[in-house]
Amino acid sequence: MVLLELQGVTMGPAVTEILVMAKNEVQVPGMVREIRQILEARDADARYLAEPWYQHGEIISSLQMAGTAYNFVYFFVLFLASFVVVNTMLMIVNERRREIGMMGALGLHPGEIRQLFMYEGGIMGAFGSALGVIVGGAVLKALSTAGIPIPGTASIDRAFLIPAKLYPEFGPGVIGFAFLAGIAVTLVAVFWPARQAAAMEPTEALRV
């Protein structure tokens, strides 16, 4: 969204602002550059000012900062989830010490044992991510249609270009990223327990 505003001119009921809408926010910086080039060529008196939507008021800048904070919280939750995966896999490794020792005694190399646990963790991550995507995707789809009401914004909707409802983005990109992020976090978290399983001596593991 780009706002063209006629500065310092009193025109009564005439139009003094033009709102140019883009398909998505990624296109806005390019539109601003093109509009400013047109204004430089045709508006010799510099009466018009082109501003992107994210510079139109302090509230919008605050919302951008809030978006950055939400992204930080999202990755922090993924970080916490990795600890759950690590603890679960460490318990599995400890409970299967005899099995690991047996695999080593039968001739499996440490790298093969580590790879086996990585595969197991990857399968667990894929199933968990698929379940999360199904449940979370259904909730996200409903919220993207119905919207999330923001109390107290009805009176400032038009003045500050803030909608009374927030509509989360729903699409294959969001769902795909959540699914792949879940698998990636699981694989990273599983690597250390899998390495510990591969480092076990068969004779010591069979004594347990």
Protein backbone atom coordinates (compact mmCIF):
# COMPACT_ATOMS: atom_id res chain seq x y z
CA MET A 1 0.00 0.00 0.00
CA VAL A 2 1.42 3.37 -1.09
CA LEU A 3 -0.06 6.69 -0.03
CA LEU A 4 0.22 9.70 -2.35
CA GLU A 5 -0.53 12.87 -0.42
CA LEU A 6 -0.81 16.42 -1.73
CA GLN A 7 1.20 18.55 0.70
CA GLY A 8 0.41 22.12 1.73
CA VAL A 9 -2.62 22.61 -0.53
CA THR A 10 -6.14 23.43 0.60
CA MET A 11 -8.63 22.08 -1.92
CA GLY A 12 -11.81 21.82 0.14
CA PRO A 13 -13.75 18.65 -0.69
CA ALA A 14 -11.39 17.69 -3.52
CA VAL A 15 -9.25 14.53 -3.40
CA THR A 16 -5.86 15.13 -1.79
CA GLU A 17 -4.73 11.55 -1.26
CA ILE A 18 -4.48 8.51 -3.51
CA LEU A 19 -4.07 5.00 -2.11
CA VAL A 20 -2.28 2.53 -4.39
CA MET A 21 -2.68 -1.11 -3.40
CA ALA A 22 -0.22 -3.92 -4.17
CA LYS A 23 -0.92 -7.65 -4.28
CA ASN A 24 1.51 -8.23 -1.41
CA GLU A 25 3.87 -6.21 0.79
CA VAL A 26 6.96 -7.48 -1.05
CA GLN A 27 6.00 -5.37 -4.07
CA VAL A 28 5.65 -2.14 -2.08
CA PRO A 29 9.32 -0.95 -2.12
CA GLY A 30 9.49 -1.34 -5.91
CA MET A 31 6.19 0.50 -6.33
CA VAL A 32 7.44 3.33 -4.13
CA ARG A 33 10.56 3.74 -6.28
CA GLU A 34 8.55 3.76 -9.52
CA ILE A 35 6.00 6.26 -8.19
CA ARG A 36 8.72 8.57 -6.88
CA GLN A 37 10.44 8.49 -10.27
CA ILE A 38 7.17 9.46 -11.94
CA LEU A 39 6.65 12.28 -9.45
CA GLU A 40 10.18 13.59 -9.99
CA ALA A 41 9.56 13.71 -13.73
CA ARG A 42 6.05 15.20 -13.70
CA ASP A 43 5.71 17.04 -10.38
CA ALA A 44 8.22 19.84 -10.70
CA ASP A 45 6.80 21.73 -7.71
CA ALA A 46 7.23 18.67 -5.47
CA ARG A 47 3.64 18.93 -4.26
CA TYR A 48 3.13 15.20 -3.88
CA LEU A 49 4.73 12.87 -1.39
CA ALA A 50 4.79 9.08 -1.82
CA GLU A 51 5.02 7.07 1.40
CA PRO A 52 4.90 3.29 1.90
CA TRP A 53 2.29 1.95 4.28
CA TYR A 54 4.82 0.98 6.93
CA GLN A 55 5.87 4.65 7.34
CA HIS A 56 2.31 5.93 7.71
CA GLY A 57 2.08 6.36 11.45
CA GLU A 58 3.93 5.07 14.50
CA ILE A 59 1.37 2.34 15.18
CA ILE A 60 2.27 0.49 11.98
CA SER A 61 5.96 0.61 12.89
CA SER A 62 5.06 -0.81 16.29
CA LEU A 63 3.15 -3.63 14.60
CA GLN A 64 6.23 -4.43 12.52
CA MET A 65 8.30 -4.63 15.68
CA ALA A 66 5.65 -6.90 17.18
CA GLY A 67 5.94 -9.17 14.13
CA THR A 68 9.67 -9.49 14.72
CA ALA A 69 9.02 -10.34 18.37
CA TYR A 70 6.49 -13.01 17.35
CA ASN A 71 9.05 -14.59 15.02
CA PHE A 72 11.54 -14.67 17.88
CA VAL A 73 8.95 -16.37 20.10
CA TYR A 74 8.24 -18.90 17.35
CA PHE A 75 11.88 -19.92 17.02
CA PHE A 76 12.25 -19.96 20.80
CA VAL A 77 9.36 -22.45 20.99
CA LEU A 78 11.11 -24.61 18.38
CA PHE A 79 14.26 -24.43 20.50
CA LEU A 80 12.34 -25.61 23.57
CA ALA A 81 10.74 -28.40 21.54
CA SER A 82 14.20 -29.67 20.63
CA PHE A 83 14.91 -30.27 24.34
CA VAL A 84 11.82 -32.47 24.57
CA VAL A 85 13.04 -34.50 21.60
CA VAL A 86 16.55 -34.82 23.09
CA ASN A 87 15.20 -36.04 26.44
CA THR A 88 12.88 -38.53 24.74
CA MET A 89 15.63 -39.96 22.56
CA LEU A 90 18.06 -40.18 25.49
CA MET A 91 15.48 -42.23 27.40
CA ILE A 92 15.05 -44.48 24.37
CA VAL A 93 18.81 -44.97 24.06
CA ASN A 94 19.17 -45.82 27.77
CA GLU A 95 16.27 -48.29 27.64
CA ARG A 96 17.73 -50.01 24.57
CA ARG A 97 21.32 -50.37 25.72
CA ARG A 98 21.25 -54.16 25.45
CA GLU A 99 19.77 -53.93 21.97
CA ILE A 100 22.47 -51.46 20.95
CA GLY A 101 25.15 -53.73 22.41
CA MET A 102 23.68 -56.67 20.50
CA MET A 103 23.78 -54.73 17.23
CA GLY A 104 27.42 -53.83 17.87
CA ALA A 105 28.26 -57.44 18.72
CA LEU A 106 26.67 -58.60 15.47
CA GLY A 107 29.03 -56.39 13.50
CA LEU A 108 27.19 -53.12 12.95
CA HIS A 109 29.59 -50.18 12.74
CA PRO A 110 29.06 -47.11 14.97
CA GLY A 111 28.10 -45.07 11.92
CA GLU A 112 25.38 -47.57 11.03
CA ILE A 113 23.98 -47.51 14.58
CA ARG A 114 23.98 -43.71 14.53
CA GLN A 115 22.26 -43.74 11.16
CA LEU A 116 19.62 -46.15 12.47
CA PHE A 117 18.68 -43.80 15.30
CA MET A 118 18.71 -40.83 12.93
CA TYR A 119 16.22 -42.65 10.69
CA GLU A 120 14.07 -43.45 13.70
CA GLY A 121 14.12 -39.83 14.85
CA GLY A 122 13.33 -38.64 11.33
CA ILE A 123 10.29 -40.92 11.13
CA MET A 124 9.11 -39.69 14.53
CA GLY A 125 9.61 -36.10 13.42
CA ALA A 126 7.71 -36.68 10.16
CA PHE A 127 4.72 -38.22 11.94
CA GLY A 128 4.70 -35.54 14.63
CA SER A 129 5.02 -32.74 12.07
CA ALA A 130 2.25 -34.24 9.93
CA LEU A 131 -0.08 -34.42 12.93
CA GLY A 132 0.78 -30.87 13.94
CA VAL A 133 0.25 -29.60 10.40
CA ILE A 134 -3.17 -31.28 10.16
CA VAL A 135 -4.45 -29.94 13.48
CA GLY A 136 -2.71 -26.56 13.26
CA GLY A 137 -3.62 -26.15 9.58
CA ALA A 138 -7.30 -26.70 10.33
CA VAL A 139 -7.22 -24.07 13.08
CA LEU A 140 -5.25 -21.67 10.87
CA LYS A 141 -7.70 -22.14 7.99
CA ALA A 142 -10.64 -21.32 10.25
CA LEU A 143 -8.93 -18.22 11.68
CA SER A 144 -7.86 -17.02 8.22
CA THR A 145 -11.54 -17.00 7.21
CA ALA A 146 -13.23 -15.81 10.39
CA GLY A 147 -10.42 -13.53 11.57
CA ILE A 148 -9.21 -12.71 15.07
CA PRO A 149 -11.05 -9.68 16.56
CA ILE A 150 -8.88 -6.96 18.08
CA PRO A 151 -10.77 -5.22 20.91
CA GLY A 152 -10.71 -1.44 20.83
CA THR A 153 -9.63 -1.00 17.19
CA ALA A 154 -13.05 -0.31 15.66
CA SER A 155 -12.79 3.43 16.35
CA ILE A 156 -9.29 3.80 14.83
CA ASP A 157 -9.77 1.48 11.87
CA ARG A 158 -10.02 4.17 9.19
CA ALA A 159 -7.77 6.75 10.82
CA PHE A 160 -4.73 4.48 11.15
CA LEU A 161 -5.47 1.85 8.49
CA ILE A 162 -5.66 -0.88 11.14
CA PRO A 163 -8.33 -3.54 10.57
CA ALA A 164 -10.70 -4.54 13.36
CA LYS A 165 -9.73 -8.17 12.73
CA LEU A 166 -6.47 -9.91 11.98
CA TYR A 167 -6.51 -12.61 9.32
CA PRO A 168 -3.61 -15.08 9.62
CA GLU A 169 -1.98 -16.15 6.39
CA PHE A 170 -2.95 -19.62 5.20
CA GLY A 171 -1.21 -21.22 2.25
CA PRO A 172 1.02 -24.06 1.11
CA GLY A 173 4.14 -22.05 1.94
CA VAL A 174 3.18 -21.64 5.60
CA ILE A 175 2.11 -25.29 5.96
CA GLY A 176 5.19 -26.59 4.15
CA PHE A 177 7.54 -24.48 6.26
CA ALA A 178 5.95 -25.73 9.50
CA PHE A 179 6.24 -29.35 8.34
CA LEU A 180 9.87 -29.09 7.23
CA ALA A 181 10.84 -27.06 10.31
CA GLY A 182 9.46 -29.78 12.56
CA ILE A 183 11.48 -32.48 10.79
CA ALA A 184 14.64 -30.35 10.75
CA VAL A 185 14.41 -29.58 14.48
CA THR A 186 13.87 -33.25 15.24
CA LEU A 187 16.87 -34.38 13.18
CA VAL A 188 19.14 -31.80 14.81
CA ALA A 189 17.93 -32.78 18.28
CA VAL A 190 18.31 -36.51 17.60
CA PHE A 191 21.92 -36.27 16.45
CA TRP A 192 23.44 -36.14 19.95
CA PRO A 193 21.50 -39.13 21.38
CA ALA A 194 22.25 -41.08 18.19
CA ARG A 195 25.94 -40.25 18.57
CA GLN A 196 25.86 -41.49 22.17
CA ALA A 197 24.25 -44.75 21.07
CA ALA A 198 26.91 -45.23 18.41
CA ALA A 199 29.70 -44.61 20.94
CA MET A 200 28.63 -47.44 23.26
CA GLU A 201 30.95 -50.40 23.66
CA PRO A 202 29.06 -53.64 22.90
CA THR A 203 30.49 -55.46 25.91
CA GLU A 204 29.55 -52.70 28.36
CA ALA A 205 26.09 -52.27 26.85
CA LEU A 206 25.36 -56.02 27.15
CA ARG A 207 26.23 -56.05 30.86
CA VAL A 208 23.26 -53.83 31.73
